[in-house]
C-alpha atoms as a PDB file:
ATOM      1  CA  MET A   1     -15.232   0.021  25.855  1.00  0.00           C
ATOM      2  CA  PHE A   2     -12.460  -2.110  27.347  1.00  0.00           C
ATOM      3  CA  VAL A   3     -15.039  -4.112  29.306  1.00  0.00           C
ATOM      4  CA  PHE A   4     -17.208  -4.688  26.246  1.00  0.00           C
ATOM      5  CA  GLU A   5     -14.206  -5.644  24.110  1.00  0.00           C
ATOM      6  CA  ALA A   6     -12.997  -8.184  26.676  1.00  0.00           C
ATOM      7  CA  ALA A   7     -16.454  -9.698  27.101  1.00  0.00           C
ATOM      8  CA  ALA A   8     -16.999  -9.941  23.352  1.00  0.00           C
ATOM      9  CA  ARG A   9     -13.551 -11.412  22.718  1.00  0.00           C
ATOM     10  CA  ARG A  10     -13.760 -13.940  25.555  1.00  0.00           C
ATOM     11  CA  GLY A  11     -17.447 -14.744  25.074  1.00  0.00           C
ATOM     12  CA  SER A  12     -18.018 -14.607  28.800  1.00  0.00           C
ATOM     13  CA  PHE A  13     -18.623 -11.964  31.458  1.00  0.00           C
ATOM     14  CA  THR A  14     -16.809 -14.158  33.975  1.00  0.00           C
ATOM     15  CA  ALA A  15     -13.733 -14.568  31.775  1.00  0.00           C
ATOM     16  CA  ALA A  16     -13.718 -10.834  31.052  1.00  0.00           C
ATOM     17  CA  ALA A  17     -13.915 -10.085  34.779  1.00  0.00           C
ATOM     18  CA  GLU A  18     -10.941 -12.351  35.474  1.00  0.00           C
ATOM     19  CA  GLU A  19      -8.921 -10.711  32.675  1.00  0.00           C
ATOM     20  CA  LEU A  20      -9.717  -7.191  33.903  1.00  0.00           C
ATOM     21  CA  ASN A  21      -9.361  -8.106  37.576  1.00  0.00           C
ATOM     22  CA  VAL A  22     -12.872  -6.949  38.492  1.00  0.00           C
ATOM     23  CA  SER A  23     -16.003  -8.758  39.663  1.00  0.00           C
ATOM     24  CA  GLN A  24     -18.427 -10.445  37.296  1.00  0.00           C
ATOM     25  CA  PRO A  25     -21.349  -8.263  38.473  1.00  0.00           C
ATOM     26  CA  ALA A  26     -19.275  -5.180  37.695  1.00  0.00           C
ATOM     27  CA  VAL A  27     -18.794  -6.394  34.124  1.00  0.00           C
ATOM     28  CA  SER A  28     -22.493  -7.200  33.773  1.00  0.00           C
ATOM     29  CA  LYS A  29     -23.488  -3.782  35.090  1.00  0.00           C
ATOM     30  CA  THR A  30     -21.073  -1.994  32.775  1.00  0.00           C
ATOM     31  CA  ILE A  31     -22.450  -3.834  29.743  1.00  0.00           C
ATOM     32  CA  LYS A  32     -26.010  -3.020  30.816  1.00  0.00           C
ATOM     33  CA  LEU A  33     -25.173   0.679  31.140  1.00  0.00           C
ATOM     34  CA  LEU A  34     -23.502   0.612  27.712  1.00  0.00           C
ATOM     35  CA  GLU A  35     -26.567  -0.969  26.124  1.00  0.00           C
ATOM     36  CA  GLU A  36     -28.833   1.603  27.764  1.00  0.00           C
ATOM     37  CA  ALA A  37     -26.618   4.461  26.630  1.00  0.00           C
ATOM     38  CA  THR A  38     -26.445   3.244  23.019  1.00  0.00           C
ATOM     39  CA  GLY A  39     -29.970   1.885  22.786  1.00  0.00           C
ATOM     40  CA  LEU A  40     -28.557  -1.341  21.371  1.00  0.00           C
ATOM     41  CA  GLN A  41     -28.749  -4.921  22.501  1.00  0.00           C
ATOM     42  CA  LEU A  42     -25.134  -5.990  22.211  1.00  0.00           C
ATOM     43  CA  PHE A  43     -25.340  -9.501  23.642  1.00  0.00           C
ATOM     44  CA  ARG A  44     -27.834 -12.334  23.435  1.00  0.00           C
ATOM     45  CA  ARG A  45     -27.943 -14.154  26.753  1.00  0.00           C
ATOM     46  CA  GLU A  46     -29.123 -17.763  26.733  1.00  0.00           C
ATOM     47  CA  HIS A  47     -28.575 -19.533  30.047  1.00  0.00           C
ATOM     48  CA  THR A  48     -24.780 -19.884  30.334  1.00  0.00           C
ATOM     49  CA  LYS A  49     -24.193 -19.073  26.669  1.00  0.00           C
ATOM     50  CA  LEU A  50     -23.264 -15.520  25.636  1.00  0.00           C
ATOM     51  CA  GLU A  51     -23.420 -14.428  22.009  1.00  0.00           C
ATOM     52  CA  LEU A  52     -23.024 -11.130  20.219  1.00  0.00           C
ATOM     53  CA  THR A  53     -26.018  -9.778  18.347  1.00  0.00           C
ATOM     54  CA  ALA A  54     -25.562  -8.489  14.801  1.00  0.00           C
ATOM     55  CA  GLU A  55     -25.251  -4.952  16.218  1.00  0.00           C
ATOM     56  CA  GLY A  56     -22.852  -6.161  18.881  1.00  0.00           C
ATOM     57  CA  LEU A  57     -20.653  -7.915  16.318  1.00  0.00           C
ATOM     58  CA  ARG A  58     -20.404  -4.801  14.166  1.00  0.00           C
ATOM     59  CA  PHE A  59     -19.663  -2.681  17.242  1.00  0.00           C
ATOM     60  CA  TYR A  60     -16.989  -5.155  18.330  1.00  0.00           C
ATOM     61  CA  LYS A  61     -15.259  -5.070  14.927  1.00  0.00           C
ATOM     62  CA  GLU A  62     -15.225  -1.262  14.939  1.00  0.00           C
ATOM     63  CA  ILE A  63     -13.753  -1.198  18.433  1.00  0.00           C
ATOM     64  CA  GLN A  64     -11.087  -3.710  17.430  1.00  0.00           C
ATOM     65  CA  GLN A  65     -10.043  -1.483  14.525  1.00  0.00           C
ATOM     66  CA  SER A  66      -9.950   1.537  16.829  1.00  0.00           C
ATOM     67  CA  PHE A  67      -7.831  -0.333  19.360  1.00  0.00           C
ATOM     68  CA  ASP A  68      -5.473  -1.470  16.581  1.00  0.00           C
ATOM     69  CA  HIS A  69      -5.045   2.136  15.461  1.00  0.00           C
ATOM     70  CA  LEU A  70      -4.437   3.315  19.022  1.00  0.00           C
ATOM     71  CA  HIS A  71      -1.862   0.566  19.492  1.00  0.00           C
ATOM     72  CA  MET A  72      -0.079   1.679  16.327  1.00  0.00           C
ATOM     73  CA  VAL A  73      -0.026   5.310  17.461  1.00  0.00           C
ATOM     74  CA  LEU A  74       1.180   4.431  20.975  1.00  0.00           C
ATOM     75  CA  THR A  75       3.883   2.167  19.582  1.00  0.00           C
ATOM     76  CA  SER A  76       4.992   4.953  17.290  1.00  0.00           C
ATOM     77  CA  LEU A  77       5.107   7.456  20.147  1.00  0.00           C
ATOM     78  CA  ARG A  78       6.987   5.086  22.434  1.00  0.00           C
ATOM     79  CA  THR A  79       9.576   4.164  19.839  1.00  0.00           C
ATOM     80  CA  ARG A  80      10.555   7.591  18.553  1.00  0.00           C
ATOM     81  CA  HIS A  81      14.116   7.374  17.393  1.00  0.00           C
ATOM     82  CA  SER A  82      17.002   9.784  17.361  1.00  0.00           C
ATOM     83  CA  ASN A  83      17.231  12.648  14.898  1.00  0.00           C
ATOM     84  CA  ASP A  84      19.424  10.507  12.642  1.00  0.00           C
ATOM     85  CA  THR A  85      16.794   7.803  12.241  1.00  0.00           C
ATOM     86  CA  VAL A  86      14.464   8.408   9.327  1.00  0.00           C
ATOM     87  CA  ARG A  87      11.039   6.788   9.318  1.00  0.00           C
ATOM     88  CA  VAL A  88       9.909   6.256   5.735  1.00  0.00           C
ATOM     89  CA  SER A  89       6.758   4.674   4.358  1.00  0.00           C
ATOM     90  CA  PHE A  90       6.165   3.619   0.763  1.00  0.00           C
ATOM     91  CA  SER A  91       4.150   1.080  -1.165  1.00  0.00           C
ATOM     92  CA  ALA A  92       5.462  -2.472  -1.238  1.00  0.00           C
ATOM     93  CA  SER A  93       6.082  -2.064  -4.978  1.00  0.00           C
ATOM     94  CA  PHE A  94       8.224   1.025  -4.455  1.00  0.00           C
ATOM     95  CA  VAL A  95      10.212  -0.536  -1.617  1.00  0.00           C
ATOM     96  CA  GLN A  96      10.889  -3.817  -3.388  1.00  0.00           C
ATOM     97  CA  LEU A  97      11.301  -2.669  -6.991  1.00  0.00           C
ATOM     98  CA  TRP A  98      12.804   0.821  -6.671  1.00  0.00           C
ATOM     99  CA  LEU A  99      14.249   1.481  -3.217  1.00  0.00           C
ATOM    100  CA  LEU A 100      16.012  -1.770  -2.344  1.00  0.00           C
ATOM    101  CA  PRO A 101      18.114  -1.957  -5.544  1.00  0.00           C
ATOM    102  CA  ARG A 102      19.403   1.568  -4.792  1.00  0.00           C
ATOM    103  CA  LEU A 103      19.605   1.531  -1.002  1.00  0.00           C
ATOM    104  CA  LYS A 104      23.263   0.521  -0.976  1.00  0.00           C
ATOM    105  CA  ASP A 105      24.119   3.820  -2.665  1.00  0.00           C
ATOM    106  CA  PHE A 106      22.364   5.868   0.006  1.00  0.00           C
ATOM    107  CA  LYS A 107      24.029   3.948   2.840  1.00  0.00           C
ATOM    108  CA  ALA A 108      27.438   4.394   1.204  1.00  0.00           C
ATOM    109  CA  LYS A 109      26.904   8.161   1.055  1.00  0.00           C
ATOM    110  CA  HIS A 110      25.257   8.504   4.472  1.00  0.00           C
ATOM    111  CA  PRO A 111      26.365   5.595   6.682  1.00  0.00           C
ATOM    112  CA  ASP A 112      25.309   7.361   9.889  1.00  0.00           C
ATOM    113  CA  VAL A 113      21.659   7.744   8.867  1.00  0.00           C
ATOM    114  CA  SER A 114      19.455   4.921  10.090  1.00  0.00           C
ATOM    115  CA  LEU A 115      16.316   4.124   8.110  1.00  0.00           C
ATOM    116  CA  ARG A 116      13.155   2.560   9.435  1.00  0.00           C
ATOM    117  CA  ILE A 117      11.330   1.391   6.309  1.00  0.00           C
ATOM    118  CA  ALA A 118       7.626   0.541   6.384  1.00  0.00           C
ATOM    119  CA  GLU A 119       5.462  -0.806   3.576  1.00  0.00           C
ATOM    120  CA  SER A 120       2.102   0.923   3.458  1.00  0.00           C
ATOM    121  CA  SER A 121      -1.088  -0.094   1.659  1.00  0.00           C
ATOM    122  CA  ARG A 122      -2.449   3.453   1.386  1.00  0.00           C
ATOM    123  CA  ASP A 123      -1.467   6.913   0.160  1.00  0.00           C
ATOM    124  CA  ASP A 124      -3.466   9.021   2.619  1.00  0.00           C
ATOM    125  CA  GLN A 125      -1.441   8.373   5.750  1.00  0.00           C
ATOM    126  CA  ASP A 126      -1.347  11.120   8.366  1.00  0.00           C
ATOM    127  CA  LEU A 127       2.398  11.675   8.513  1.00  0.00           C
ATOM    128  CA  ASN A 128       2.208  13.464  11.861  1.00  0.00           C
ATOM    129  CA  ILE A 129       0.005  10.975  13.701  1.00  0.00           C
ATOM    130  CA  GLU A 130       1.913   7.980  12.350  1.00  0.00           C
ATOM    131  CA  ASP A 131       5.304   9.652  12.927  1.00  0.00           C
ATOM    132  CA  ILE A 132       6.463   9.285   9.318  1.00  0.00           C
ATOM    133  CA  ASP A 133       9.289  11.491   8.081  1.00  0.00           C
ATOM    134  CA  ILE A 134       9.040  10.791   4.358  1.00  0.00           C
ATOM    135  CA  SER A 135       6.498   9.122   2.108  1.00  0.00           C
ATOM    136  CA  ALA A 136       5.168   9.396  -1.447  1.00  0.00           C
ATOM    137  CA  ARG A 137       1.805  10.271  -2.976  1.00  0.00           C
ATOM    138  CA  LEU A 138       0.283  10.207  -6.430  1.00  0.00           C
ATOM    139  CA  GLY A 139      -1.551  13.333  -7.535  1.00  0.00           C
ATOM    140  CA  ASN A 140      -0.970  17.008  -8.250  1.00  0.00           C
ATOM    141  CA  GLY A 141       1.322  17.792  -5.309  1.00  0.00           C
ATOM    142  CA  GLN A 142      -1.276  19.855  -3.437  1.00  0.00           C
ATOM    143  CA  TRP A 143      -2.123  18.312  -0.069  1.00  0.00           C
ATOM    144  CA  PRO A 144      -2.713  20.040   3.264  1.00  0.00           C
ATOM    145  CA  GLY A 145      -0.168  19.482   6.002  1.00  0.00           C
ATOM    146  CA  VAL A 146       2.691  18.295   3.794  1.00  0.00           C
ATOM    147  CA  HIS A 147       5.561  19.642   1.736  1.00  0.00           C
ATOM    148  CA  ALA A 148       5.738  17.958  -1.669  1.00  0.00           C
ATOM    149  CA  TRP A 149       8.496  17.627  -4.292  1.00  0.00           C
ATOM    150  CA  HIS A 150       8.003  16.200  -7.776  1.00  0.00           C
ATOM    151  CA  PHE A 151       9.631  12.782  -8.018  1.00  0.00           C
ATOM    152  CA  VAL A 152       8.428  11.069 -11.183  1.00  0.00           C
ATOM    153  CA  THR A 153       5.760  11.498 -13.836  1.00  0.00           C
ATOM    154  CA  GLU A 154       3.285   8.614 -13.895  1.00  0.00           C
ATOM    155  CA  GLU A 155       3.876   6.517 -17.006  1.00  0.00           C
ATOM    156  CA  VAL A 156       2.378   3.052 -17.339  1.00  0.00           C
ATOM    157  CA  ILE A 157       3.522   0.465 -19.873  1.00  0.00           C
ATOM    158  CA  PRO A 158       2.746  -3.195 -20.590  1.00  0.00           C
ATOM    159  CA  VAL A 159       5.558  -5.583 -19.663  1.00  0.00           C
ATOM    160  CA  CYS A 160       6.161  -9.307 -19.888  1.00  0.00           C
ATOM    161  CA  ALA A 161       8.982 -11.809 -19.721  1.00  0.00           C
ATOM    162  CA  PRO A 162      11.001 -12.371 -22.929  1.00  0.00           C
ATOM    163  CA  GLU A 163      10.025 -16.040 -22.759  1.00  0.00           C
ATOM    164  CA  TYR A 164       6.341 -15.154 -22.792  1.00  0.00           C
ATOM    165  CA  LEU A 165       6.759 -13.017 -25.915  1.00  0.00           C
ATOM    166  CA  ARG A 166       8.771 -15.721 -27.663  1.00  0.00           C
ATOM    167  CA  GLU A 167       6.082 -18.287 -26.874  1.00  0.00           C
ATOM    168  CA  HIS A 168       3.074 -16.163 -27.834  1.00  0.00           C
ATOM    169  CA  GLY A 169       4.502 -14.035 -30.631  1.00  0.00           C
ATOM    170  CA  PRO A 170       4.994 -10.294 -31.123  1.00  0.00           C
ATOM    171  CA  ILE A 171       2.332  -7.668 -30.415  1.00  0.00           C
ATOM    172  CA  SER A 172       1.868  -4.905 -32.977  1.00  0.00           C
ATOM    173  CA  THR A 173      -1.273  -3.067 -31.796  1.00  0.00           C
ATOM    174  CA  PRO A 174      -2.896  -2.337 -28.408  1.00  0.00           C
ATOM    175  CA  ALA A 175      -5.989  -4.337 -29.422  1.00  0.00           C
ATOM    176  CA  GLU A 176      -3.912  -7.515 -29.606  1.00  0.00           C
ATOM    177  CA  PHE A 177      -3.477  -7.468 -25.827  1.00  0.00           C
ATOM    178  CA  LEU A 178      -7.051  -8.766 -25.599  1.00  0.00           C
ATOM    179  CA  ASN A 179      -5.781 -12.069 -27.011  1.00  0.00           C
ATOM    180  CA  HIS A 180      -3.188 -12.497 -24.253  1.00  0.00           C
ATOM    181  CA  ARG A 181      -3.116 -13.407 -20.574  1.00  0.00           C
ATOM    182  CA  LEU A 182      -3.473 -10.083 -18.771  1.00  0.00           C
ATOM    183  CA  LEU A 183      -2.361  -9.814 -15.164  1.00  0.00           C
ATOM    184  CA  HIS A 184      -4.545  -7.539 -13.018  1.00  0.00           C
ATOM    185  CA  PHE A 185      -4.311  -6.125  -9.526  1.00  0.00           C
ATOM    186  CA  GLU A 186      -6.806  -4.388  -7.262  1.00  0.00           C
ATOM    187  CA  GLU A 187      -5.396  -2.683  -4.183  1.00  0.00           C
ATOM    188  CA  ARG A 188      -7.756  -2.282  -1.257  1.00  0.00           C
ATOM    189  CA  HIS A 189      -6.817   1.255  -0.228  1.00  0.00           C
ATOM    190  CA  ARG A 190      -5.438   2.661  -3.476  1.00  0.00           C
ATOM    191  CA  THR A 191      -6.963   3.406  -6.855  1.00  0.00           C
ATOM    192  CA  ARG A 192      -4.525   2.701  -9.642  1.00  0.00           C
ATOM    193  CA  LEU A 193      -4.774   2.465 -13.410  1.00  0.00           C
ATOM    194  CA  GLY A 194      -6.021  -0.908 -14.667  1.00  0.00           C
ATOM    195  CA  TRP A 195      -6.026  -2.716 -17.979  1.00  0.00           C
ATOM    196  CA  LYS A 196      -9.494  -1.459 -18.919  1.00  0.00           C
ATOM    197  CA  GLU A 197      -8.431   2.183 -18.545  1.00  0.00           C
ATOM    198  CA  TRP A 198      -5.138   1.541 -20.332  1.00  0.00           C
ATOM    199  CA  LEU A 199      -6.864  -0.096 -23.301  1.00  0.00           C
ATOM    200  CA  LEU A 200      -9.578   2.567 -23.546  1.00  0.00           C
ATOM    201  CA  HIS A 201      -6.880   5.237 -23.528  1.00  0.00           C
ATOM    202  CA  HIS A 202      -5.390   3.540 -26.590  1.00  0.00           C
ATOM    203  CA  SER A 203      -8.779   3.475 -28.365  1.00  0.00           C
ATOM    204  CA  VAL A 204      -9.443  -0.214 -27.748  1.00  0.00           C
ATOM    205  CA  PRO A 205     -13.162  -0.689 -26.998  1.00  0.00           C
ATOM    206  CA  VAL A 206     -13.552  -2.760 -23.846  1.00  0.00           C
ATOM    207  CA  THR A 207     -16.900  -3.755 -22.410  1.00  0.00           C
ATOM    208  CA  ARG A 208     -15.735  -6.513 -20.131  1.00  0.00           C
ATOM    209  CA  LEU A 209     -12.434  -8.172 -19.307  1.00  0.00           C
ATOM    210  CA  SER A 210     -12.104 -11.712 -18.038  1.00  0.00           C
ATOM    211  CA  PRO A 211      -9.002 -11.559 -15.850  1.00  0.00           C
ATOM    212  CA  ASP A 212      -6.694 -14.555 -15.923  1.00  0.00           C
ATOM    213  CA  ALA A 213      -5.351 -13.511 -12.525  1.00  0.00           C
ATOM    214  CA  ILE A 214      -6.080 -10.717 -10.063  1.00  0.00           C
ATOM    215  CA  PHE A 215      -3.546  -9.780  -7.384  1.00  0.00           C
ATOM    216  CA  THR A 216      -3.945  -7.485  -4.397  1.00  0.00           C
ATOM    217  CA  ASP A 217      -0.959  -5.302  -5.265  1.00  0.00           C
ATOM    218  CA  ALA A 218       1.107  -4.226  -8.253  1.00  0.00           C
ATOM    219  CA  LEU A 219       4.218  -5.941  -6.890  1.00  0.00           C
ATOM    220  CA  ALA A 220       2.642  -9.383  -7.228  1.00  0.00           C
ATOM    221  CA  SER A 221       1.410  -8.781 -10.766  1.00  0.00           C
ATOM    222  CA  THR A 222       4.872  -7.543 -11.775  1.00  0.00           C
ATOM    223  CA  GLU A 223       6.566 -10.611 -10.305  1.00  0.00           C
ATOM    224  CA  ALA A 224       4.028 -12.858 -12.048  1.00  0.00           C
ATOM    225  CA  ALA A 225       5.035 -11.198 -15.328  1.00  0.00           C
ATOM    226  CA  VAL A 226       8.715 -11.838 -14.557  1.00  0.00           C
ATOM    227  CA  LEU A 227       7.832 -15.518 -14.131  1.00  0.00           C
ATOM    228  CA  GLY A 228       6.260 -15.600 -17.591  1.00  0.00           C
ATOM    229  CA  GLN A 229       2.670 -15.914 -16.411  1.00  0.00           C
ATOM    230  CA  GLY A 230       1.250 -13.110 -18.556  1.00  0.00           C
ATOM    231  CA  ILE A 231       1.433  -9.400 -19.331  1.00  0.00           C
ATOM    232  CA  ALA A 232       1.265  -6.848 -16.529  1.00  0.00           C
ATOM    233  CA  LEU A 233       0.991  -3.092 -16.395  1.00  0.00           C
ATOM    234  CA  GLY A 234       4.239  -1.680 -15.093  1.00  0.00           C
ATOM    235  CA  TRP A 235       4.996   1.760 -13.739  1.00  0.00           C
ATOM    236  CA  LYS A 236       8.032   2.922 -15.682  1.00  0.00           C
ATOM    237  CA  HIS A 237      10.114   3.981 -12.686  1.00  0.00           C
ATOM    238  CA  LEU A 238       9.380   0.731 -10.835  1.00  0.00           C
ATOM    239  CA  ILE A 239      10.280  -1.770 -13.546  1.00  0.00           C
ATOM    240  CA  GLN A 240      13.522  -0.151 -14.727  1.00  0.00           C
ATOM    241  CA  GLU A 241      15.734  -2.702 -12.975  1.00  0.00           C
ATOM    242  CA  HIS A 242      13.790  -5.620 -14.451  1.00  0.00           C
ATOM    243  CA  ILE A 243      14.061  -4.020 -17.902  1.00  0.00           C
ATOM    244  CA  ARG A 244      17.807  -3.409 -17.582  1.00  0.00           C
ATOM    245  CA  ALA A 245      18.395  -6.957 -16.364  1.00  0.00           C
ATOM    246  CA  GLY A 246      16.358  -8.398 -19.225  1.00  0.00           C
ATOM    247  CA  ARG A 247      13.809 -10.017 -16.944  1.00  0.00           C
ATOM    248  CA  LEU A 248      11.038  -7.942 -18.526  1.00  0.00           C
ATOM    249  CA  VAL A 249      10.559  -6.459 -21.983  1.00  0.00           C
ATOM    250  CA  HIS A 250       8.206  -3.854 -23.354  1.00  0.00           C
ATOM    251  CA  PRO A 251       6.164  -5.697 -26.031  1.00  0.00           C
ATOM    252  CA  LEU A 252       4.680  -2.533 -27.551  1.00  0.00           C
ATOM    253  CA  SER A 253       5.850   1.076 -27.562  1.00  0.00           C
ATOM    254  CA  ALA A 254       2.570   2.414 -26.179  1.00  0.00           C
ATOM    255  CA  VAL A 255       2.648   4.400 -22.964  1.00  0.00           C
ATOM    256  CA  TYR A 256      -0.114   5.790 -20.766  1.00  0.00           C
ATOM    257  CA  CYS A 257       0.665   9.182 -19.227  1.00  0.00           C
ATOM    258  CA  SER A 258      -2.004  10.077 -16.679  1.00  0.00           C
ATOM    259  CA  GLY A 259      -0.943  13.689 -16.277  1.00  0.00           C
ATOM    260  CA  GLU A 260      -0.319  13.069 -12.587  1.00  0.00           C
ATOM    261  CA  SER A 261       2.970  12.555 -10.819  1.00  0.00           C
ATOM    262  CA  ILE A 262       4.372  10.862  -7.761  1.00  0.00           C
ATOM    263  CA  TYR A 263       5.656  13.306  -5.152  1.00  0.00           C
ATOM    264  CA  VAL A 264       8.015  12.874  -2.239  1.00  0.00           C
ATOM    265  CA  VAL A 265       6.155  14.253   0.779  1.00  0.00           C
ATOM    266  CA  MET A 266       7.197  15.313   4.276  1.00  0.00           C
ATOM    267  CA  PRO A 267       5.056  16.673   7.140  1.00  0.00           C
ATOM    268  CA  SER A 268       4.986  20.475   7.193  1.00  0.00           C
ATOM    269  CA  GLN A 269       3.982  20.794  10.844  1.00  0.00           C
ATOM    270  CA  ARG A 270       7.300  19.783  12.362  1.00  0.00           C
ATOM    271  CA  ILE A 271      10.958  20.502  11.797  1.00  0.00           C
ATOM    272  CA  ALA A 272      12.518  17.904   9.527  1.00  0.00           C
ATOM    273  CA  LYS A 273      15.271  15.698  10.905  1.00  0.00           C
ATOM    274  CA  PRO A 274      18.699  16.222   9.320  1.00  0.00           C
ATOM    275  CA  GLY A 275      18.733  12.612   8.167  1.00  0.00           C
ATOM    276  CA  ALA A 276      15.308  13.023   6.564  1.00  0.00           C
ATOM    277  CA  MET A 277      16.564  15.970   4.545  1.00  0.00           C
ATOM    278  CA  LEU A 278      19.521  13.909   3.347  1.00  0.00           C
ATOM    279  CA  PHE A 279      17.244  11.060   2.339  1.00  0.00           C
ATOM    280  CA  ARG A 280      14.858  13.429   0.544  1.00  0.00           C
ATOM    281  CA  ASP A 281      17.732  15.022  -1.396  1.00  0.00           C
ATOM    282  CA  TRP A 282      19.058  11.587  -2.319  1.00  0.00           C
ATOM    283  CA  LEU A 283      15.637  10.518  -3.601  1.00  0.00           C
ATOM    284  CA  LEU A 284      15.313  13.605  -5.763  1.00  0.00           C
ATOM    285  CA  GLU A 285      18.850  13.186  -7.119  1.00  0.00           C
ATOM    286  CA  GLN A 286      17.947   9.796  -8.580  1.00  0.00           C
ATOM    287  CA  ASN A 287      16.206  11.453 -11.553  1.00  0.00           C
ATOM    288  CA  ALA A 288      13.451   8.876 -11.728  1.00  0.00           C
ATOM    289  CA  ASP A 289      12.054  10.563 -14.864  1.00  0.00           C
ATOM    290  CA  ALA A 290      15.185   9.688 -16.817  1.00  0.00           C
ATOM    291  CA  ALA A 291      14.373   7.850 -20.030  1.00  0.00           C
ATOM    292  CA  ILE A 292      15.390   4.204 -20.317  1.00  0.00           C
ATOM    293  CA  GLN A 293      15.758   2.104 -23.407  1.00  0.00           C
ATOM    294  CA  PHE A 294      13.089  -0.571 -23.452  1.00  0.00           C
ATOM    295  CA  ASN A 295      14.361  -3.802 -24.908  1.00  0.00           C
ATOM    296  CA  ARG A 296      11.866  -5.346 -27.292  1.00  0.00           C
ATOM    297  CA  ASN A 297      14.323  -7.822 -28.788  1.00  0.00           C
ATOM    298  CA  VAL A 298      13.568 -11.384 -27.772  1.00  0.00           C
ATOM    299  CA  ASP A 299      15.836 -13.294 -30.099  1.00  0.00           C
END
């Protein structure tokens, strides 16, 4: 596989041979054996020009992804930290909107605990393989291989900047959202509630929405709302700081409760680090389900 990857990346058997410190005939023979074993023609050879076939290109992309994953795992294994270093992984929205505003409190209480914070684009990470001590998942709390603790009930509300509401007027019914600029997001590896589901839940018939803007994560749509560019769907626990600071308001007292919750999760197949237990306890002490007063006044 290493020979094929080098040849495909370099576009030359000779260049691949130089990179791998072997002879060009050895590279050619290895590729031939690979093609015979797979029954695929991986390269198209035209005089001195070497090109990947359609099958070869797909195979190359799959191998690249596999190599990237192996590199991530090896890096993780090589850089294991001490028992006081906690490796945490959350969505970019959670890190930026919830964790960072509160991180100073944790460090003040536990100055000796070092955190390695990663932003993840998916919920189904293998905590053991990726050497993650603590993460979060949305669901019912029942997943194999992890311990789970309820963190916050999923509640989704529409939010916008006070300036936007002053400019476009008050909203009195869910159906009126159809007359406003709605900010959407579609995450690649996560399925999250969208405007269509939110509106249908509030008995607003929706056949088709024409999005004014679509972002690749909830963080971007929230920040666009802060900048007055439209109305976004906000997860209650994530937008609390924006609400308290007056950067966002809740234009209508209509909430979507999915019945699911976000759970703090830790791998069950290894002994938890002392620092990870401290961080877990601190997370759960934050009482993310606590009610907040949503400011709808935009005078």
